[in-house]
Amino acid sequence: MPVTITGPLAQAEQDTTAHALQGALVDLLDLSLTAEQAHWALLGPHFRSLHQHLDELVTTARDFADTLAERAATIGTPPDGRSATITATSALPPFPDGWVKDTDALDLITTTLSDLIGRTRRRIEDTAGTDPVSQDLLIALAGELEKHHWMLQAAHEH
């Protein structure tokens, strides 16, 4: 007999919400890997401040990934954070190999965040009528991503 977890949502609402949460989970897991890679491979005069900010971004991404994955499980859908799933479904651009100039890394990360914020805002809209709890988590995520986006741009304007 297959194991199932039942949640508080009707099936249609669960499906829509689970799709939004899974997409956000993949985005966040890939963002954490991308930001960590950028953090390790930086070169340039803004190394230290960008290195530290990328650490903060990694923490935000990992914390929200865990929260959203647990929400998916709570509504009865198993989250999928496997590396193969991230590779197959992530919409984030790949981070370049080797050493990367700090300004290039900053451009890539801020563009990635901008795209991710757009997808998160669409997921907020998608969950408006399906699950206010998940929508609230996505709203909180959008706020944090937007704050990182602003701070990275303001601190490293070039």
N, C-alpha and C. Protein backbone atom coordinates (compact mmCIF):
# COMPACT_ATOMS: atom_id res chain seq x y z
N MET A 1 0.85 -1.18 0.00
CA MET A 1 0.00 0.00 0.00
C MET A 1 0.90 1.24 0.00
N PRO A 2 0.68 2.18 -0.94
CA PRO A 2 1.51 3.40 -0.97
C PRO A 2 1.24 4.28 0.25
N VAL A 3 2.28 4.93 0.67
CA VAL A 3 2.17 5.84 1.80
C VAL A 3 1.64 7.17 1.29
N THR A 4 0.68 7.72 1.96
CA THR A 4 0.16 9.04 1.59
C THR A 4 0.05 9.91 2.83
N ILE A 5 0.22 11.17 2.61
CA ILE A 5 0.00 12.18 3.64
C ILE A 5 -1.15 13.03 3.14
N THR A 6 -2.16 13.17 3.95
CA THR A 6 -3.27 14.02 3.55
C THR A 6 -3.06 15.41 4.11
N GLY A 7 -3.48 16.38 3.34
CA GLY A 7 -3.35 17.77 3.76
C GLY A 7 -4.70 18.45 3.82
N PRO A 8 -4.68 19.75 4.10
CA PRO A 8 -5.93 20.48 4.31
C PRO A 8 -6.61 20.98 3.04
N LEU A 9 -6.03 20.77 1.86
CA LEU A 9 -6.55 21.36 0.64
C LEU A 9 -7.29 20.33 -0.22
N ALA A 10 -8.26 20.82 -0.98
CA ALA A 10 -8.88 19.99 -2.00
C ALA A 10 -7.83 19.69 -3.06
N GLN A 11 -8.05 18.64 -3.86
CA GLN A 11 -7.01 18.18 -4.79
C GLN A 11 -6.59 19.26 -5.79
N ALA A 12 -7.52 20.00 -6.36
CA ALA A 12 -7.15 21.03 -7.34
C ALA A 12 -6.30 22.13 -6.69
N GLU A 13 -6.68 22.54 -5.50
CA GLU A 13 -5.90 23.56 -4.78
C GLU A 13 -4.54 23.02 -4.39
N GLN A 14 -4.49 21.76 -3.98
CA GLN A 14 -3.22 21.13 -3.62
C GLN A 14 -2.30 21.08 -4.84
N ASP A 15 -2.82 20.69 -5.98
CA ASP A 15 -2.00 20.59 -7.18
C ASP A 15 -1.41 21.93 -7.59
N THR A 16 -2.23 22.98 -7.60
CA THR A 16 -1.76 24.31 -7.97
C THR A 16 -0.71 24.82 -6.98
N THR A 17 -1.00 24.64 -5.71
CA THR A 17 -0.09 25.11 -4.67
C THR A 17 1.21 24.32 -4.69
N ALA A 18 1.11 23.02 -4.84
CA ALA A 18 2.30 22.17 -4.88
C ALA A 18 3.19 22.54 -6.07
N HIS A 19 2.59 22.85 -7.20
CA HIS A 19 3.37 23.26 -8.37
C HIS A 19 4.15 24.55 -8.07
N ALA A 20 3.50 25.51 -7.44
CA ALA A 20 4.17 26.77 -7.07
C ALA A 20 5.28 26.52 -6.06
N LEU A 21 5.02 25.71 -5.07
CA LEU A 21 6.03 25.43 -4.04
C LEU A 21 7.22 24.67 -4.62
N GLN A 22 6.95 23.69 -5.49
CA GLN A 22 8.04 22.91 -6.09
C GLN A 22 8.91 23.80 -6.96
N GLY A 23 8.30 24.66 -7.75
CA GLY A 23 9.08 25.58 -8.58
C GLY A 23 9.95 26.50 -7.75
N ALA A 24 9.39 27.01 -6.67
CA ALA A 24 10.16 27.89 -5.78
C ALA A 24 11.28 27.11 -5.10
N LEU A 25 11.01 25.87 -4.70
CA LEU A 25 12.03 25.04 -4.06
C LEU A 25 13.22 24.84 -5.00
N VAL A 26 12.96 24.48 -6.23
CA VAL A 26 14.04 24.27 -7.20
C VAL A 26 14.82 25.56 -7.41
N ASP A 27 14.11 26.67 -7.58
CA ASP A 27 14.78 27.96 -7.75
C ASP A 27 15.69 28.27 -6.56
N LEU A 28 15.20 28.05 -5.37
CA LEU A 28 15.98 28.39 -4.18
C LEU A 28 17.17 27.48 -3.98
N LEU A 29 17.00 26.20 -4.23
CA LEU A 29 18.14 25.29 -4.10
C LEU A 29 19.21 25.62 -5.12
N ASP A 30 18.80 25.93 -6.34
CA ASP A 30 19.78 26.30 -7.36
C ASP A 30 20.41 27.65 -7.03
N LEU A 31 19.61 28.59 -6.53
CA LEU A 31 20.17 29.89 -6.11
C LEU A 31 21.21 29.70 -5.03
N SER A 32 20.96 28.82 -4.07
CA SER A 32 21.94 28.60 -3.00
C SER A 32 23.25 28.06 -3.56
N LEU A 33 23.15 27.15 -4.54
CA LEU A 33 24.36 26.61 -5.16
C LEU A 33 25.08 27.65 -6.00
N THR A 34 24.33 28.43 -6.76
CA THR A 34 24.91 29.47 -7.59
C THR A 34 25.59 30.53 -6.75
N ALA A 35 24.91 30.99 -5.71
CA ALA A 35 25.49 32.03 -4.85
C ALA A 35 26.71 31.50 -4.10
N GLU A 36 26.69 30.24 -3.71
CA GLU A 36 27.86 29.65 -3.03
C GLU A 36 29.04 29.57 -4.00
N GLN A 37 28.78 29.16 -5.24
CA GLN A 37 29.85 29.11 -6.24
C GLN A 37 30.42 30.50 -6.48
N ALA A 38 29.55 31.48 -6.63
CA ALA A 38 30.00 32.87 -6.82
C ALA A 38 30.85 33.31 -5.63
N HIS A 39 30.42 32.96 -4.46
CA HIS A 39 31.10 33.30 -3.21
C HIS A 39 32.53 32.76 -3.19
N TRP A 40 32.73 31.57 -3.74
CA TRP A 40 34.05 30.94 -3.74
C TRP A 40 34.95 31.45 -4.86
N ALA A 41 34.36 31.87 -5.97
CA ALA A 41 35.14 32.12 -7.19
C ALA A 41 35.37 33.60 -7.49
N LEU A 42 35.08 34.47 -6.56
CA LEU A 42 35.19 35.91 -6.78
C LEU A 42 36.63 36.39 -6.84
N LEU A 43 36.83 37.38 -7.67
CA LEU A 43 38.08 38.15 -7.72
C LEU A 43 37.73 39.62 -7.89
N GLY A 44 38.47 40.48 -7.25
CA GLY A 44 38.28 41.90 -7.51
C GLY A 44 38.18 42.74 -6.24
N PRO A 45 38.11 44.05 -6.42
CA PRO A 45 38.14 44.97 -5.28
C PRO A 45 36.91 44.88 -4.38
N HIS A 46 35.81 44.32 -4.88
CA HIS A 46 34.60 44.20 -4.06
C HIS A 46 34.47 42.80 -3.45
N PHE A 47 35.58 42.06 -3.48
CA PHE A 47 35.55 40.66 -3.05
C PHE A 47 34.93 40.51 -1.66
N ARG A 48 35.47 41.17 -0.67
CA ARG A 48 35.05 40.92 0.71
C ARG A 48 33.58 41.22 0.95
N SER A 49 33.13 42.39 0.53
CA SER A 49 31.73 42.75 0.81
C SER A 49 30.76 41.85 0.02
N LEU A 50 31.10 41.55 -1.23
CA LEU A 50 30.23 40.69 -2.03
C LEU A 50 30.28 39.25 -1.50
N HIS A 51 31.45 38.80 -1.11
CA HIS A 51 31.61 37.47 -0.51
C HIS A 51 30.69 37.31 0.70
N GLN A 52 30.68 38.31 1.56
CA GLN A 52 29.84 38.27 2.76
C GLN A 52 28.36 38.33 2.42
N HIS A 53 28.01 39.19 1.47
CA HIS A 53 26.60 39.28 1.11
C HIS A 53 26.11 37.97 0.47
N LEU A 54 26.94 37.34 -0.32
CA LEU A 54 26.55 36.07 -0.93
C LEU A 54 26.33 34.99 0.14
N ASP A 55 27.11 35.03 1.21
CA ASP A 55 26.86 34.12 2.34
C ASP A 55 25.45 34.31 2.89
N GLU A 56 25.05 35.57 3.04
CA GLU A 56 23.71 35.88 3.55
C GLU A 56 22.63 35.40 2.58
N LEU A 57 22.87 35.57 1.29
CA LEU A 57 21.91 35.12 0.28
C LEU A 57 21.77 33.60 0.31
N VAL A 58 22.88 32.89 0.45
CA VAL A 58 22.83 31.43 0.55
C VAL A 58 21.98 31.01 1.75
N THR A 59 22.18 31.65 2.88
CA THR A 59 21.41 31.32 4.08
C THR A 59 19.92 31.56 3.85
N THR A 60 19.58 32.69 3.27
CA THR A 60 18.18 32.99 2.97
C THR A 60 17.59 31.92 2.05
N ALA A 61 18.30 31.59 0.99
CA ALA A 61 17.80 30.60 0.03
C ALA A 61 17.60 29.24 0.69
N ARG A 62 18.56 28.82 1.48
CA ARG A 62 18.45 27.50 2.13
C ARG A 62 17.33 27.48 3.17
N ASP A 63 17.21 28.54 3.95
CA ASP A 63 16.16 28.59 4.97
C ASP A 63 14.77 28.56 4.34
N PHE A 64 14.57 29.37 3.30
CA PHE A 64 13.27 29.38 2.64
C PHE A 64 13.02 28.08 1.88
N ALA A 65 14.04 27.48 1.31
CA ALA A 65 13.86 26.19 0.63
C ALA A 65 13.31 25.16 1.62
N ASP A 66 13.87 25.13 2.81
CA ASP A 66 13.41 24.19 3.83
C ASP A 66 11.97 24.49 4.23
N THR A 67 11.67 25.75 4.43
CA THR A 67 10.31 26.14 4.83
C THR A 67 9.29 25.76 3.76
N LEU A 68 9.60 26.05 2.49
CA LEU A 68 8.66 25.74 1.42
C LEU A 68 8.54 24.24 1.19
N ALA A 69 9.64 23.50 1.33
CA ALA A 69 9.58 22.04 1.19
C ALA A 69 8.70 21.44 2.29
N GLU A 70 8.84 21.95 3.50
CA GLU A 70 8.02 21.45 4.59
C GLU A 70 6.55 21.80 4.40
N ARG A 71 6.29 22.97 3.80
CA ARG A 71 4.90 23.34 3.50
C ARG A 71 4.32 22.38 2.45
N ALA A 72 5.10 22.06 1.43
CA ALA A 72 4.62 21.12 0.42
C ALA A 72 4.25 19.79 1.07
N ALA A 73 5.11 19.30 1.95
CA ALA A 73 4.82 18.05 2.65
C ALA A 73 3.56 18.19 3.51
N THR A 74 3.40 19.34 4.12
CA THR A 74 2.24 19.59 4.98
C THR A 74 0.93 19.52 4.19
N ILE A 75 0.94 20.01 2.95
CA ILE A 75 -0.29 19.96 2.16
C ILE A 75 -0.47 18.61 1.46
N GLY A 76 0.46 17.68 1.67
CA GLY A 76 0.30 16.32 1.16
C GLY A 76 1.08 16.00 -0.10
N THR A 77 2.03 16.87 -0.48
CA THR A 77 2.83 16.63 -1.69
C THR A 77 4.29 16.51 -1.30
N PRO A 78 4.94 15.40 -1.64
CA PRO A 78 6.35 15.27 -1.29
C PRO A 78 7.21 16.24 -2.13
N PRO A 79 8.03 17.06 -1.48
CA PRO A 79 8.91 17.96 -2.23
C PRO A 79 10.03 17.16 -2.88
N ASP A 80 10.58 17.72 -3.95
CA ASP A 80 11.66 17.03 -4.66
C ASP A 80 12.84 17.98 -4.82
N GLY A 81 13.82 17.82 -3.95
CA GLY A 81 15.02 18.65 -3.99
C GLY A 81 16.25 17.89 -4.46
N ARG A 82 16.05 16.80 -5.17
CA ARG A 82 17.18 16.01 -5.64
C ARG A 82 17.95 16.77 -6.71
N SER A 83 19.24 16.52 -6.77
CA SER A 83 20.09 17.23 -7.73
C SER A 83 19.62 17.01 -9.16
N ALA A 84 19.18 15.82 -9.50
CA ALA A 84 18.70 15.57 -10.87
C ALA A 84 17.47 16.43 -11.18
N THR A 85 16.61 16.61 -10.20
CA THR A 85 15.42 17.45 -10.40
C THR A 85 15.81 18.90 -10.58
N ILE A 86 16.75 19.37 -9.78
CA ILE A 86 17.22 20.75 -9.91
C ILE A 86 17.82 20.96 -11.29
N THR A 87 18.68 20.05 -11.71
CA THR A 87 19.33 20.16 -13.02
C THR A 87 18.30 20.15 -14.14
N ALA A 88 17.30 19.32 -14.04
CA ALA A 88 16.32 19.17 -15.11
C ALA A 88 15.30 20.30 -15.17
N THR A 89 15.03 20.95 -14.04
CA THR A 89 13.90 21.88 -14.02
C THR A 89 14.25 23.31 -13.65
N SER A 90 15.46 23.60 -13.25
CA SER A 90 15.79 24.96 -12.84
C SER A 90 15.80 25.91 -14.03
N ALA A 91 15.31 27.11 -13.80
CA ALA A 91 15.31 28.15 -14.82
C ALA A 91 16.46 29.15 -14.60
N LEU A 92 17.27 28.93 -13.58
CA LEU A 92 18.38 29.85 -13.32
C LEU A 92 19.49 29.64 -14.34
N PRO A 93 20.14 30.73 -14.75
CA PRO A 93 21.26 30.58 -15.68
C PRO A 93 22.45 29.93 -14.98
N PRO A 94 23.26 29.19 -15.72
CA PRO A 94 24.44 28.57 -15.10
C PRO A 94 25.47 29.63 -14.73
N PHE A 95 26.18 29.38 -13.66
CA PHE A 95 27.26 30.27 -13.26
C PHE A 95 28.53 29.82 -13.99
N PRO A 96 29.33 30.76 -14.47
CA PRO A 96 30.52 30.37 -15.25
C PRO A 96 31.55 29.60 -14.42
N ASP A 97 32.37 28.82 -15.12
CA ASP A 97 33.47 28.08 -14.50
C ASP A 97 34.61 29.04 -14.17
N GLY A 98 35.45 28.62 -13.25
CA GLY A 98 36.68 29.35 -12.94
C GLY A 98 36.45 30.61 -12.13
N TRP A 99 37.51 31.41 -12.08
CA TRP A 99 37.46 32.67 -11.35
C TRP A 99 36.55 33.66 -12.09
N VAL A 100 35.85 34.46 -11.33
CA VAL A 100 34.90 35.40 -11.92
C VAL A 100 35.11 36.77 -11.29
N LYS A 101 35.23 37.76 -12.14
CA LYS A 101 35.38 39.14 -11.68
C LYS A 101 34.16 39.53 -10.85
N ASP A 102 34.40 40.24 -9.76
CA ASP A 102 33.32 40.58 -8.85
C ASP A 102 32.16 41.29 -9.53
N THR A 103 32.45 42.21 -10.46
CA THR A 103 31.38 42.93 -11.14
C THR A 103 30.57 42.00 -12.06
N ASP A 104 31.23 41.02 -12.66
CA ASP A 104 30.51 40.05 -13.50
C ASP A 104 29.62 39.16 -12.64
N ALA A 105 30.15 38.73 -11.51
CA ALA A 105 29.36 37.91 -10.59
C ALA A 105 28.15 38.69 -10.08
N LEU A 106 28.39 39.95 -9.75
CA LEU A 106 27.30 40.80 -9.27
C LEU A 106 26.21 40.94 -10.34
N ASP A 107 26.62 41.18 -11.57
CA ASP A 107 25.64 41.29 -12.66
C ASP A 107 24.82 40.01 -12.80
N LEU A 108 25.49 38.87 -12.76
CA LEU A 108 24.79 37.60 -12.90
C LEU A 108 23.83 37.37 -11.74
N ILE A 109 24.29 37.62 -10.53
CA ILE A 109 23.45 37.36 -9.35
C ILE A 109 22.26 38.32 -9.32
N THR A 110 22.47 39.59 -9.61
CA THR A 110 21.33 40.53 -9.57
C THR A 110 20.33 40.22 -10.68
N THR A 111 20.80 39.82 -11.86
CA THR A 111 19.88 39.42 -12.93
C THR A 111 19.12 38.16 -12.53
N THR A 112 19.83 37.21 -11.95
CA THR A 112 19.19 35.98 -11.48
C THR A 112 18.13 36.29 -10.44
N LEU A 113 18.46 37.17 -9.49
CA LEU A 113 17.48 37.55 -8.47
C LEU A 113 16.27 38.24 -9.09
N SER A 114 16.51 39.11 -10.05
CA SER A 114 15.40 39.81 -10.70
C SER A 114 14.44 38.80 -11.35
N ASP A 115 14.99 37.84 -12.07
CA ASP A 115 14.16 36.81 -12.71
C ASP A 115 13.43 35.97 -11.67
N LEU A 116 14.13 35.60 -10.61
CA LEU A 116 13.55 34.79 -9.55
C LEU A 116 12.43 35.54 -8.84
N ILE A 117 12.61 36.82 -8.62
CA ILE A 117 11.56 37.64 -8.00
C ILE A 117 10.32 37.65 -8.89
N GLY A 118 10.50 37.79 -10.19
CA GLY A 118 9.36 37.75 -11.10
C GLY A 118 8.60 36.43 -11.01
N ARG A 119 9.33 35.31 -11.00
CA ARG A 119 8.67 34.01 -10.88
C ARG A 119 7.99 33.86 -9.52
N THR A 120 8.61 34.37 -8.46
CA THR A 120 8.01 34.28 -7.13
C THR A 120 6.72 35.09 -7.07
N ARG A 121 6.71 36.27 -7.68
CA ARG A 121 5.49 37.08 -7.71
C ARG A 121 4.38 36.38 -8.50
N ARG A 122 4.71 35.69 -9.57
CA ARG A 122 3.69 34.93 -10.31
C ARG A 122 3.16 33.78 -9.44
N ARG A 123 4.03 33.17 -8.67
CA ARG A 123 3.58 32.09 -7.78
C ARG A 123 2.69 32.64 -6.67
N ILE A 124 2.95 33.84 -6.23
CA ILE A 124 2.07 34.49 -5.25
C ILE A 124 0.67 34.63 -5.86
N GLU A 125 0.60 35.09 -7.09
CA GLU A 125 -0.69 35.22 -7.78
C GLU A 125 -1.35 33.85 -7.95
N ASP A 126 -0.57 32.85 -8.32
CA ASP A 126 -1.11 31.50 -8.56
C ASP A 126 -1.74 30.91 -7.30
N THR A 127 -1.19 31.23 -6.14
CA THR A 127 -1.68 30.64 -4.89
C THR A 127 -2.70 31.52 -4.18
N ALA A 128 -3.06 32.64 -4.78
CA ALA A 128 -4.00 33.58 -4.14
C ALA A 128 -5.33 32.90 -3.81
N GLY A 129 -5.81 32.07 -4.69
CA GLY A 129 -7.09 31.43 -4.45
C GLY A 129 -6.99 29.99 -3.99
N THR A 130 -5.78 29.49 -3.80
CA THR A 130 -5.65 28.07 -3.46
C THR A 130 -5.19 27.81 -2.03
N ASP A 131 -4.29 28.63 -1.52
CA ASP A 131 -3.78 28.38 -0.18
C ASP A 131 -3.13 29.65 0.39
N PRO A 132 -3.85 30.37 1.25
CA PRO A 132 -3.28 31.60 1.80
C PRO A 132 -2.04 31.38 2.66
N VAL A 133 -1.89 30.22 3.24
CA VAL A 133 -0.70 29.95 4.06
C VAL A 133 0.54 29.87 3.17
N SER A 134 0.45 29.10 2.09
CA SER A 134 1.58 29.01 1.15
C SER A 134 1.83 30.36 0.49
N GLN A 135 0.76 31.06 0.14
CA GLN A 135 0.91 32.38 -0.46
C GLN A 135 1.66 33.31 0.49
N ASP A 136 1.35 33.25 1.76
CA ASP A 136 2.03 34.09 2.75
C ASP A 136 3.52 33.77 2.81
N LEU A 137 3.88 32.50 2.72
CA LEU A 137 5.29 32.12 2.71
C LEU A 137 5.99 32.65 1.46
N LEU A 138 5.31 32.59 0.33
CA LEU A 138 5.87 33.12 -0.91
C LEU A 138 6.00 34.64 -0.86
N ILE A 139 5.07 35.30 -0.22
CA ILE A 139 5.16 36.76 -0.04
C ILE A 139 6.38 37.10 0.80
N ALA A 140 6.59 36.36 1.88
CA ALA A 140 7.76 36.59 2.73
C ALA A 140 9.05 36.34 1.94
N LEU A 141 9.06 35.30 1.13
CA LEU A 141 10.22 35.01 0.28
C LEU A 141 10.48 36.17 -0.67
N ALA A 142 9.45 36.65 -1.34
CA ALA A 142 9.62 37.76 -2.28
C ALA A 142 10.22 38.97 -1.58
N GLY A 143 9.75 39.26 -0.38
CA GLY A 143 10.29 40.39 0.38
C GLY A 143 11.77 40.24 0.65
N GLU A 144 12.19 39.05 1.02
CA GLU A 144 13.62 38.82 1.30
C GLU A 144 14.46 38.86 0.03
N LEU A 145 13.97 38.26 -1.04
CA LEU A 145 14.72 38.31 -2.29
C LEU A 145 14.84 39.74 -2.81
N GLU A 146 13.76 40.50 -2.70
CA GLU A 146 13.79 41.89 -3.14
C GLU A 146 14.76 42.71 -2.30
N LYS A 147 14.83 42.42 -1.01
CA LYS A 147 15.79 43.13 -0.15
C LYS A 147 17.22 42.80 -0.56
N HIS A 148 17.51 41.54 -0.81
CA HIS A 148 18.86 41.17 -1.27
C HIS A 148 19.18 41.85 -2.60
N HIS A 149 18.22 41.86 -3.49
CA HIS A 149 18.42 42.48 -4.80
C HIS A 149 18.77 43.96 -4.64
N TRP A 150 18.00 44.66 -3.84
CA TRP A 150 18.26 46.08 -3.59
C TRP A 150 19.63 46.28 -2.95
N MET A 151 19.94 45.52 -1.92
CA MET A 151 21.20 45.71 -1.19
C MET A 151 22.41 45.41 -2.07
N LEU A 152 22.33 44.37 -2.87
CA LEU A 152 23.44 44.06 -3.77
C LEU A 152 23.65 45.19 -4.78
N GLN A 153 22.58 45.69 -5.32
CA GLN A 153 22.71 46.80 -6.28
C GLN A 153 23.26 48.06 -5.60
N ALA A 154 22.74 48.38 -4.43
CA ALA A 154 23.15 49.62 -3.75
C ALA A 154 24.58 49.56 -3.26
N ALA A 155 24.99 48.42 -2.75
CA ALA A 155 26.32 48.31 -2.17
C ALA A 155 27.41 48.16 -3.22
N HIS A 156 27.04 47.70 -4.39
CA HIS A 156 28.05 47.38 -5.39
C HIS A 156 27.79 48.08 -6.71
N GLU A 157 27.18 49.25 -6.64
CA GLU A 157 26.92 50.02 -7.86
C GLU A 157 28.23 50.28 -8.58
N HIS A 158 28.24 50.00 -9.86
CA HIS A 158 29.45 50.22 -10.65
C HIS A 158 29.10 50.82 -12.00
